[in-house]
Amino acid sequence: MNSNPHNPIALSAVLITLNAGNQLEAALKSLKFCDDIVVVDSHSIDDTAEIAFRYGAKVVQQDWLGFGPQKQFAVTQAKHDWVLCLDADERVSPELEQSIRAMMQQAEQDLLPTRIAGFDMPRCNFFLGQYLRHGEGYPDYSRRLFNRQRANWSNDAVHEKVETQGSGFHFEKLRGDLLHESAESLDTYLAKQNRYTSIQAQALAARGKWPGVGKMTLSPLVRFIKFYVVRKGFLDGWPGLVHIAIGCFNSFIKYAKTRELMSKQQEK
């Protein structure tokens, strides 16, 4: 067991990247406590691979498979069963690092219950110049640390999630924030959300999930009440309002795109 609080621990950190040179270095700096770092890159044309090599990461080139399959492929490249999955624009805060170190020390000493598949961590989103501390933006619990013998990424092309392998496993929570420091402008954020809603609509249409008008209209309203009022998104000022409003619009437009796709399929 490695008892030095500053030495790397037996934990694999995995990231998937594409032209992430402007963001990757900060993520890798926050992962120095992991003794194995894997970067699965989709043939970036910037300096992503060079930065990863500079920080001692194992770099694997892989054609894009979709978010879920790509992340699961990255997990298979890790040295350890316990894996920590990050995006290039995310950073592990010092408090979260200490929580992870304490958890891994328990695992090494066989003090961690074997039915624990992994851990959720609060993600703090940076949006329009500030960290969101309420509403949809926080705590935004994200499941990023897990044992690959007990859990894996789903096959979803977008909004992928970590699922248990078999019954009886569960997830617990860690203290300390995962910092999501996206440097996106509002234009690029909206463009990304447009892509995501199209992918979601395609998945719903493929499953024959015809959304009714009631669902289209009520879903955004319920979402707004939940995040802006109940979870006090109004305390984040105008960035909080914009963030939640976009989420509500996404809920509406996802179903609208689904109806459009299914209508075209019926016309064929």
C-alpha atoms as a PDB file:
ATOM      1  CA  MET A   1       0.000   0.000   0.000  1.00  0.00           C
ATOM      2  CA  ASN A   2       1.228   3.498  -0.889  1.00  0.00           C
ATOM      3  CA  SER A   3       0.824   5.573   2.297  1.00  0.00           C
ATOM      4  CA  ASN A   4       2.457   8.788   1.061  1.00  0.00           C
ATOM      5  CA  PRO A   5      -0.417  11.275   0.569  1.00  0.00           C
ATOM      6  CA  HIS A   6       1.351  12.850  -2.417  1.00  0.00           C
ATOM      7  CA  ASN A   7       2.397   9.751  -4.362  1.00  0.00           C
ATOM      8  CA  PRO A   8       0.374   8.384  -7.288  1.00  0.00           C
ATOM      9  CA  ILE A   9      -2.121   5.680  -6.402  1.00  0.00           C
ATOM     10  CA  ALA A  10      -3.077   2.476  -8.249  1.00  0.00           C
ATOM     11  CA  LEU A  11      -5.931   4.033 -10.188  1.00  0.00           C
ATOM     12  CA  SER A  12      -6.475   4.408 -13.941  1.00  0.00           C
ATOM     13  CA  ALA A  13      -7.720   7.712 -15.337  1.00  0.00           C
ATOM     14  CA  VAL A  14      -9.234   7.510 -18.824  1.00  0.00           C
ATOM     15  CA  LEU A  15     -10.223  10.294 -21.194  1.00  0.00           C
ATOM     16  CA  ILE A  16     -11.592  10.446 -24.730  1.00  0.00           C
ATOM     17  CA  THR A  17     -10.472  13.373 -26.856  1.00  0.00           C
ATOM     18  CA  LEU A  18     -10.809  15.120 -30.188  1.00  0.00           C
ATOM     19  CA  ASN A  19      -8.836  18.315 -30.801  1.00  0.00           C
ATOM     20  CA  ALA A  20      -8.737  19.008 -27.055  1.00  0.00           C
ATOM     21  CA  GLY A  21      -5.335  20.686 -26.981  1.00  0.00           C
ATOM     22  CA  ASN A  22      -6.668  23.873 -25.381  1.00  0.00           C
ATOM     23  CA  GLN A  23      -8.256  21.994 -22.467  1.00  0.00           C
ATOM     24  CA  LEU A  24      -6.385  18.749 -21.914  1.00  0.00           C
ATOM     25  CA  GLU A  25      -3.341  19.988 -19.997  1.00  0.00           C
ATOM     26  CA  ALA A  26      -5.348  21.260 -17.033  1.00  0.00           C
ATOM     27  CA  ALA A  27      -7.238  17.962 -16.849  1.00  0.00           C
ATOM     28  CA  LEU A  28      -4.026  15.939 -16.872  1.00  0.00           C
ATOM     29  CA  LYS A  29      -2.462  18.152 -14.186  1.00  0.00           C
ATOM     30  CA  SER A  30      -5.390  17.342 -11.919  1.00  0.00           C
ATOM     31  CA  LEU A  31      -4.844  13.606 -12.530  1.00  0.00           C
ATOM     32  CA  LYS A  32      -1.220  13.400 -11.402  1.00  0.00           C
ATOM     33  CA  PHE A  33      -2.332  11.320  -8.414  1.00  0.00           C
ATOM     34  CA  CYS A  34      -3.249   8.433 -10.775  1.00  0.00           C
ATOM     35  CA  ASP A  35      -0.406   6.090 -11.740  1.00  0.00           C
ATOM     36  CA  ASP A  36      -2.065   5.162 -15.061  1.00  0.00           C
ATOM     37  CA  ILE A  37      -3.539   7.657 -17.526  1.00  0.00           C
ATOM     38  CA  VAL A  38      -5.107   6.580 -20.821  1.00  0.00           C
ATOM     39  CA  VAL A  39      -6.134   9.014 -23.566  1.00  0.00           C
ATOM     40  CA  VAL A  40      -8.210   7.558 -26.386  1.00  0.00           C
ATOM     41  CA  ASP A  41      -8.049  10.070 -29.207  1.00  0.00           C
ATOM     42  CA  SER A  42     -10.106  10.218 -32.405  1.00  0.00           C
ATOM     43  CA  HIS A  43      -7.263  11.338 -34.688  1.00  0.00           C
ATOM     44  CA  SER A  44      -6.949  14.933 -33.486  1.00  0.00           C
ATOM     45  CA  ILE A  45      -5.246  17.356 -35.846  1.00  0.00           C
ATOM     46  CA  ASP A  46      -4.043  19.666 -33.051  1.00  0.00           C
ATOM     47  CA  ASP A  47      -1.489  18.987 -30.290  1.00  0.00           C
ATOM     48  CA  THR A  48      -3.768  16.772 -28.161  1.00  0.00           C
ATOM     49  CA  ALA A  49      -1.596  13.664 -28.511  1.00  0.00           C
ATOM     50  CA  GLU A  50       1.631  15.575 -27.852  1.00  0.00           C
ATOM     51  CA  ILE A  51       0.240  17.027 -24.618  1.00  0.00           C
ATOM     52  CA  ALA A  52      -0.950  13.605 -23.492  1.00  0.00           C
ATOM     53  CA  PHE A  53       2.490  12.082 -24.140  1.00  0.00           C
ATOM     54  CA  ARG A  54       4.112  14.946 -22.243  1.00  0.00           C
ATOM     55  CA  TYR A  55       2.147  13.973 -19.142  1.00  0.00           C
ATOM     56  CA  GLY A  56       3.039  10.308 -19.452  1.00  0.00           C
ATOM     57  CA  ALA A  57      -0.312   9.144 -20.749  1.00  0.00           C
ATOM     58  CA  LYS A  58      -0.843   6.076 -22.878  1.00  0.00           C
ATOM     59  CA  VAL A  59      -2.352   7.354 -26.136  1.00  0.00           C
ATOM     60  CA  VAL A  60      -4.569   5.115 -28.251  1.00  0.00           C
ATOM     61  CA  GLN A  61      -6.035   6.241 -31.570  1.00  0.00           C
ATOM     62  CA  GLN A  62      -9.590   5.033 -32.174  1.00  0.00           C
ATOM     63  CA  ASP A  63     -12.200   6.029 -34.749  1.00  0.00           C
ATOM     64  CA  TRP A  64     -15.286   7.566 -33.186  1.00  0.00           C
ATOM     65  CA  LEU A  65     -17.751   4.951 -31.900  1.00  0.00           C
ATOM     66  CA  GLY A  66     -20.285   7.177 -30.123  1.00  0.00           C
ATOM     67  CA  PHE A  67     -19.883   8.510 -26.578  1.00  0.00           C
ATOM     68  CA  GLY A  68     -20.836   5.358 -24.657  1.00  0.00           C
ATOM     69  CA  PRO A  69     -18.909   2.847 -26.798  1.00  0.00           C
ATOM     70  CA  GLN A  70     -15.898   5.174 -27.050  1.00  0.00           C
ATOM     71  CA  LYS A  71     -15.682   5.557 -23.281  1.00  0.00           C
ATOM     72  CA  GLN A  72     -16.113   1.847 -22.747  1.00  0.00           C
ATOM     73  CA  PHE A  73     -13.313   1.158 -25.228  1.00  0.00           C
ATOM     74  CA  ALA A  74     -11.127   3.557 -23.240  1.00  0.00           C
ATOM     75  CA  VAL A  75     -11.928   1.664 -20.036  1.00  0.00           C
ATOM     76  CA  THR A  76     -10.703  -1.578 -21.620  1.00  0.00           C
ATOM     77  CA  GLN A  77      -7.315   0.063 -22.248  1.00  0.00           C
ATOM     78  CA  ALA A  78      -6.763   0.826 -18.543  1.00  0.00           C
ATOM     79  CA  LYS A  79      -4.244  -1.009 -16.374  1.00  0.00           C
ATOM     80  CA  HIS A  80      -6.398  -1.161 -13.241  1.00  0.00           C
ATOM     81  CA  ASP A  81      -9.962  -2.301 -12.608  1.00  0.00           C
ATOM     82  CA  TRP A  82     -10.755   0.900 -10.722  1.00  0.00           C
ATOM     83  CA  VAL A  83     -11.096   3.641 -13.344  1.00  0.00           C
ATOM     84  CA  LEU A  84     -11.791   7.362 -13.172  1.00  0.00           C
ATOM     85  CA  CYS A  85     -13.372   8.746 -16.361  1.00  0.00           C
ATOM     86  CA  LEU A  86     -12.958  12.429 -17.179  1.00  0.00           C
ATOM     87  CA  ASP A  87     -13.680  14.697 -20.120  1.00  0.00           C
ATOM     88  CA  ALA A  88     -10.922  16.985 -21.342  1.00  0.00           C
ATOM     89  CA  ASP A  89     -12.692  20.066 -19.943  1.00  0.00           C
ATOM     90  CA  GLU A  90     -13.035  18.615 -16.439  1.00  0.00           C
ATOM     91  CA  ARG A  91     -10.652  18.835 -13.476  1.00  0.00           C
ATOM     92  CA  VAL A  92     -10.460  16.971 -10.182  1.00  0.00           C
ATOM     93  CA  SER A  93     -10.565  19.441  -7.291  1.00  0.00           C
ATOM     94  CA  PRO A  94      -8.132  18.950  -4.361  1.00  0.00           C
ATOM     95  CA  GLU A  95     -11.008  17.940  -2.066  1.00  0.00           C
ATOM     96  CA  LEU A  96     -12.230  15.356  -4.558  1.00  0.00           C
ATOM     97  CA  GLU A  97      -8.696  13.999  -4.936  1.00  0.00           C
ATOM     98  CA  GLN A  98      -8.509  13.456  -1.181  1.00  0.00           C
ATOM     99  CA  SER A  99     -11.856  11.643  -1.205  1.00  0.00           C
ATOM    100  CA  ILE A 100     -10.667   9.382  -4.016  1.00  0.00           C
ATOM    101  CA  ARG A 101      -7.381   8.660  -2.221  1.00  0.00           C
ATOM    102  CA  ALA A 102      -9.256   7.701   0.951  1.00  0.00           C
ATOM    103  CA  MET A 103     -11.611   5.435  -0.996  1.00  0.00           C
ATOM    104  CA  MET A 104      -8.771   3.708  -2.829  1.00  0.00           C
ATOM    105  CA  GLN A 105      -6.930   3.158   0.453  1.00  0.00           C
ATOM    106  CA  GLN A 106     -10.021   1.355   1.733  1.00  0.00           C
ATOM    107  CA  ALA A 107     -10.136  -0.722  -1.451  1.00  0.00           C
ATOM    108  CA  GLU A 108      -6.466  -1.695  -1.139  1.00  0.00           C
ATOM    109  CA  GLN A 109      -7.044  -2.779   2.471  1.00  0.00           C
ATOM    110  CA  ASP A 110     -10.157  -4.780   1.488  1.00  0.00           C
ATOM    111  CA  LEU A 111     -12.259  -2.499   3.700  1.00  0.00           C
ATOM    112  CA  LEU A 112     -14.523  -1.378   0.870  1.00  0.00           C
ATOM    113  CA  PRO A 113     -17.750  -3.400   0.575  1.00  0.00           C
ATOM    114  CA  THR A 114     -17.566  -5.587  -2.524  1.00  0.00           C
ATOM    115  CA  ARG A 115     -21.118  -4.646  -3.546  1.00  0.00           C
ATOM    116  CA  ILE A 116     -20.043  -1.054  -4.228  1.00  0.00           C
ATOM    117  CA  ALA A 117     -19.691  -0.745  -7.994  1.00  0.00           C
ATOM    118  CA  GLY A 118     -18.530   2.856  -8.008  1.00  0.00           C
ATOM    119  CA  PHE A 119     -19.077   6.425  -6.905  1.00  0.00           C
ATOM    120  CA  ASP A 120     -20.972   9.530  -7.935  1.00  0.00           C
ATOM    121  CA  MET A 121     -19.338  12.914  -7.502  1.00  0.00           C
ATOM    122  CA  PRO A 122     -20.818  16.429  -7.580  1.00  0.00           C
ATOM    123  CA  ARG A 123     -19.958  18.240 -10.806  1.00  0.00           C
ATOM    124  CA  CYS A 124     -19.738  22.023 -10.716  1.00  0.00           C
ATOM    125  CA  ASN A 125     -20.435  23.613 -14.093  1.00  0.00           C
ATOM    126  CA  PHE A 126     -18.802  26.835 -15.285  1.00  0.00           C
ATOM    127  CA  PHE A 127     -21.271  28.689 -17.510  1.00  0.00           C
ATOM    128  CA  LEU A 128     -21.327  32.255 -18.823  1.00  0.00           C
ATOM    129  CA  GLY A 129     -18.471  33.363 -16.606  1.00  0.00           C
ATOM    130  CA  GLN A 130     -19.377  31.754 -13.289  1.00  0.00           C
ATOM    131  CA  TYR A 131     -19.773  28.435 -11.504  1.00  0.00           C
ATOM    132  CA  LEU A 132     -23.393  27.396 -11.137  1.00  0.00           C
ATOM    133  CA  ARG A 133     -24.197  26.376  -7.555  1.00  0.00           C
ATOM    134  CA  HIS A 134     -27.918  25.698  -7.848  1.00  0.00           C
ATOM    135  CA  GLY A 135     -30.602  24.475 -10.235  1.00  0.00           C
ATOM    136  CA  GLU A 136     -29.600  22.036 -12.930  1.00  0.00           C
ATOM    137  CA  GLY A 137     -25.958  23.118 -12.751  1.00  0.00           C
ATOM    138  CA  TYR A 138     -25.178  21.809  -9.245  1.00  0.00           C
ATOM    139  CA  PRO A 139     -24.588  19.358  -7.707  1.00  0.00           C
ATOM    140  CA  ASP A 140     -25.128  17.575 -11.064  1.00  0.00           C
ATOM    141  CA  TYR A 141     -23.950  14.234  -9.634  1.00  0.00           C
ATOM    142  CA  SER A 142     -21.841  12.380 -12.191  1.00  0.00           C
ATOM    143  CA  ARG A 143     -20.894   8.702 -12.053  1.00  0.00           C
ATOM    144  CA  ARG A 144     -17.239   8.681 -13.064  1.00  0.00           C
ATOM    145  CA  LEU A 145     -15.352   6.374 -10.686  1.00  0.00           C
ATOM    146  CA  PHE A 146     -16.118   2.655 -10.828  1.00  0.00           C
ATOM    147  CA  ASN A 147     -14.741  -0.872 -10.857  1.00  0.00           C
ATOM    148  CA  ARG A 148     -14.925  -2.196 -14.419  1.00  0.00           C
ATOM    149  CA  GLN A 149     -15.585  -5.706 -13.109  1.00  0.00           C
ATOM    150  CA  ARG A 150     -18.823  -4.413 -11.584  1.00  0.00           C
ATOM    151  CA  ALA A 151     -19.940  -1.622 -13.933  1.00  0.00           C
ATOM    152  CA  ASN A 152     -19.517  -0.368 -17.499  1.00  0.00           C
ATOM    153  CA  TRP A 153     -20.569   2.468 -19.771  1.00  0.00           C
ATOM    154  CA  SER A 154     -23.848   2.074 -21.625  1.00  0.00           C
ATOM    155  CA  ASN A 155     -23.954   1.927 -25.424  1.00  0.00           C
ATOM    156  CA  ASP A 156     -25.843   5.216 -25.736  1.00  0.00           C
ATOM    157  CA  ALA A 157     -24.499   7.480 -28.465  1.00  0.00           C
ATOM    158  CA  VAL A 158     -25.155  10.525 -26.261  1.00  0.00           C
ATOM    159  CA  HIS A 159     -26.045  11.001 -22.571  1.00  0.00           C
ATOM    160  CA  GLU A 160     -24.219   7.761 -21.853  1.00  0.00           C
ATOM    161  CA  LYS A 161     -24.265   6.428 -18.304  1.00  0.00           C
ATOM    162  CA  VAL A 162     -22.438   3.960 -16.087  1.00  0.00           C
ATOM    163  CA  GLU A 163     -24.489   0.840 -15.341  1.00  0.00           C
ATOM    164  CA  THR A 164     -23.868  -2.074 -13.023  1.00  0.00           C
ATOM    165  CA  GLN A 165     -22.854  -5.465 -14.345  1.00  0.00           C
ATOM    166  CA  GLY A 166     -25.385  -7.716 -12.674  1.00  0.00           C
ATOM    167  CA  SER A 167     -27.727  -7.249  -9.729  1.00  0.00           C
ATOM    168  CA  GLY A 168     -26.816  -6.425  -6.160  1.00  0.00           C
ATOM    169  CA  PHE A 169     -24.268  -3.700  -6.902  1.00  0.00           C
ATOM    170  CA  HIS A 170     -24.816  -0.081  -5.965  1.00  0.00           C
ATOM    171  CA  PHE A 171     -23.140   3.317  -6.111  1.00  0.00           C
ATOM    172  CA  GLU A 172     -22.254   5.721  -3.331  1.00  0.00           C
ATOM    173  CA  LYS A 173     -21.257   9.390  -3.254  1.00  0.00           C
ATOM    174  CA  LEU A 174     -17.902  11.106  -2.837  1.00  0.00           C
ATOM    175  CA  ARG A 175     -17.208  14.553  -1.421  1.00  0.00           C
ATOM    176  CA  GLY A 176     -15.396  17.185  -3.459  1.00  0.00           C
ATOM    177  CA  ASP A 177     -16.278  18.773  -6.773  1.00  0.00           C
ATOM    178  CA  LEU A 178     -15.496  17.649 -10.275  1.00  0.00           C
ATOM    179  CA  LEU A 179     -14.954  21.009 -11.968  1.00  0.00           C
ATOM    180  CA  HIS A 180     -16.445  21.331 -15.445  1.00  0.00           C
ATOM    181  CA  GLU A 181     -14.594  24.283 -16.913  1.00  0.00           C
ATOM    182  CA  SER A 182     -16.015  24.496 -20.390  1.00  0.00           C
ATOM    183  CA  ALA A 183     -14.770  27.597 -22.188  1.00  0.00           C
ATOM    184  CA  GLU A 184     -17.641  27.481 -24.668  1.00  0.00           C
ATOM    185  CA  SER A 185     -19.372  30.592 -25.889  1.00  0.00           C
ATOM    186  CA  LEU A 186     -23.152  30.637 -25.916  1.00  0.00           C
ATOM    187  CA  ASP A 187     -23.077  30.047 -29.681  1.00  0.00           C
ATOM    188  CA  THR A 188     -20.949  26.899 -29.409  1.00  0.00           C
ATOM    189  CA  TYR A 189     -22.952  25.636 -26.423  1.00  0.00           C
ATOM    190  CA  LEU A 190     -26.196  25.991 -28.373  1.00  0.00           C
ATOM    191  CA  ALA A 191     -24.671  24.271 -31.400  1.00  0.00           C
ATOM    192  CA  LYS A 192     -23.623  21.329 -29.217  1.00  0.00           C
ATOM    193  CA  GLN A 193     -27.065  21.106 -27.661  1.00  0.00           C
ATOM    194  CA  ASN A 194     -28.604  21.070 -31.128  1.00  0.00           C
ATOM    195  CA  ARG A 195     -26.434  18.079 -32.054  1.00  0.00           C
ATOM    196  CA  TYR A 196     -27.325  16.292 -28.837  1.00  0.00           C
ATOM    197  CA  THR A 197     -31.082  16.736 -29.298  1.00  0.00           C
ATOM    198  CA  SER A 198     -30.790  15.363 -32.845  1.00  0.00           C
ATOM    199  CA  ILE A 199     -29.003  12.247 -31.586  1.00  0.00           C
ATOM    200  CA  GLN A 200     -31.577  11.799 -28.814  1.00  0.00           C
ATOM    201  CA  ALA A 201     -34.429  12.180 -31.288  1.00  0.00           C
ATOM    202  CA  GLN A 202     -32.923   9.567 -33.582  1.00  0.00           C
ATOM    203  CA  ALA A 203     -32.670   7.122 -30.675  1.00  0.00           C
ATOM    204  CA  LEU A 204     -36.272   7.752 -29.607  1.00  0.00           C
ATOM    205  CA  ALA A 205     -37.567   7.405 -33.162  1.00  0.00           C
ATOM    206  CA  ALA A 206     -35.643   4.162 -33.620  1.00  0.00           C
ATOM    207  CA  ARG A 207     -37.458   2.772 -30.570  1.00  0.00           C
ATOM    208  CA  GLY A 208     -40.825   3.952 -31.865  1.00  0.00           C
ATOM    209  CA  LYS A 209     -41.252   6.428 -29.000  1.00  0.00           C
ATOM    210  CA  TRP A 210     -43.892   8.782 -30.447  1.00  0.00           C
ATOM    211  CA  PRO A 211     -44.120  11.791 -28.082  1.00  0.00           C
ATOM    212  CA  GLY A 212     -47.550  13.257 -27.551  1.00  0.00           C
ATOM    213  CA  VAL A 213     -48.282  16.981 -27.566  1.00  0.00           C
ATOM    214  CA  GLY A 214     -48.852  16.858 -23.803  1.00  0.00           C
ATOM    215  CA  LYS A 215     -45.364  15.501 -23.214  1.00  0.00           C
ATOM    216  CA  MET A 216     -43.858  18.111 -25.527  1.00  0.00           C
ATOM    217  CA  THR A 217     -45.511  20.986 -23.665  1.00  0.00           C
ATOM    218  CA  LEU A 218     -45.490  19.753 -20.083  1.00  0.00           C
ATOM    219  CA  SER A 219     -41.936  18.395 -19.987  1.00  0.00           C
ATOM    220  CA  PRO A 220     -40.268  21.833 -20.374  1.00  0.00           C
ATOM    221  CA  LEU A 221     -42.646  23.389 -17.830  1.00  0.00           C
ATOM    222  CA  VAL A 222     -42.028  20.693 -15.222  1.00  0.00           C
ATOM    223  CA  ARG A 223     -38.297  20.975 -15.851  1.00  0.00           C
ATOM    224  CA  PHE A 224     -38.348  24.749 -15.324  1.00  0.00           C
ATOM    225  CA  ILE A 225     -40.280  24.506 -12.061  1.00  0.00           C
ATOM    226  CA  LYS A 226     -37.988  21.767 -10.787  1.00  0.00           C
ATOM    227  CA  PHE A 227     -34.674  23.456 -11.509  1.00  0.00           C
ATOM    228  CA  TYR A 228     -35.447  27.179 -11.385  1.00  0.00           C
ATOM    229  CA  VAL A 229     -37.868  27.207  -8.457  1.00  0.00           C
ATOM    230  CA  VAL A 230     -37.505  24.045  -6.366  1.00  0.00           C
ATOM    231  CA  ARG A 231     -33.738  23.746  -6.735  1.00  0.00           C
ATOM    232  CA  LYS A 232     -33.304  27.543  -6.585  1.00  0.00           C
ATOM    233  CA  GLY A 233     -31.678  28.108  -9.953  1.00  0.00           C
ATOM    234  CA  PHE A 234     -32.716  31.754  -9.640  1.00  0.00           C
ATOM    235  CA  LEU A 235     -29.880  32.202  -7.116  1.00  0.00           C
ATOM    236  CA  ASP A 236     -27.374  31.793  -9.975  1.00  0.00           C
ATOM    237  CA  GLY A 237     -28.613  34.999 -11.596  1.00  0.00           C
ATOM    238  CA  TRP A 238     -28.976  35.357 -15.322  1.00  0.00           C
ATOM    239  CA  PRO A 239     -26.459  32.552 -16.156  1.00  0.00           C
ATOM    240  CA  GLY A 240     -28.627  30.181 -14.135  1.00  0.00           C
ATOM    241  CA  LEU A 241     -31.759  31.334 -15.953  1.00  0.00           C
ATOM    242  CA  VAL A 242     -30.138  30.906 -19.374  1.00  0.00           C
ATOM    243  CA  HIS A 243     -28.758  27.456 -18.485  1.00  0.00           C
ATOM    244  CA  ILE A 244     -32.143  26.185 -17.306  1.00  0.00           C
ATOM    245  CA  ALA A 245     -34.052  27.802 -20.174  1.00  0.00           C
ATOM    246  CA  ILE A 246     -31.817  26.063 -22.698  1.00  0.00           C
ATOM    247  CA  GLY A 247     -32.407  22.750 -20.934  1.00  0.00           C
ATOM    248  CA  CYS A 248     -36.170  23.299 -21.113  1.00  0.00           C
ATOM    249  CA  PHE A 249     -35.986  24.178 -24.800  1.00  0.00           C
ATOM    250  CA  ASN A 250     -33.882  21.071 -25.410  1.00  0.00           C
ATOM    251  CA  SER A 251     -36.611  18.963 -23.808  1.00  0.00           C
ATOM    252  CA  PHE A 252     -39.187  20.457 -26.188  1.00  0.00           C
ATOM    253  CA  ILE A 253     -37.088  20.355 -29.352  1.00  0.00           C
ATOM    254  CA  LYS A 254     -35.956  16.756 -28.715  1.00  0.00           C
ATOM    255  CA  TYR A 255     -39.551  15.592 -28.879  1.00  0.00           C
ATOM    256  CA  ALA A 256     -40.333  17.877 -31.836  1.00  0.00           C
ATOM    257  CA  LYS A 257     -37.444  16.373 -33.788  1.00  0.00           C
ATOM    258  CA  THR A 258     -38.628  12.890 -32.846  1.00  0.00           C
ATOM    259  CA  ARG A 259     -42.127  13.586 -34.218  1.00  0.00           C
ATOM    260  CA  GLU A 260     -40.611  14.984 -37.415  1.00  0.00           C
ATOM    261  CA  LEU A 261     -38.464  11.878 -37.933  1.00  0.00           C
ATOM    262  CA  MET A 262     -41.305   9.465 -37.223  1.00  0.00           C
ATOM    263  CA  SER A 263     -43.671  11.382 -39.521  1.00  0.00           C
ATOM    264  CA  LYS A 264     -41.153  11.102 -42.352  1.00  0.00           C
ATOM    265  CA  GLN A 265     -40.801   7.376 -41.682  1.00  0.00           C
ATOM    266  CA  GLN A 266     -44.570   6.900 -41.905  1.00  0.00           C
ATOM    267  CA  GLU A 267     -44.661   8.748 -45.229  1.00  0.00           C
ATOM    268  CA  LYS A 268     -42.223   6.303 -46.842  1.00  0.00           C
END
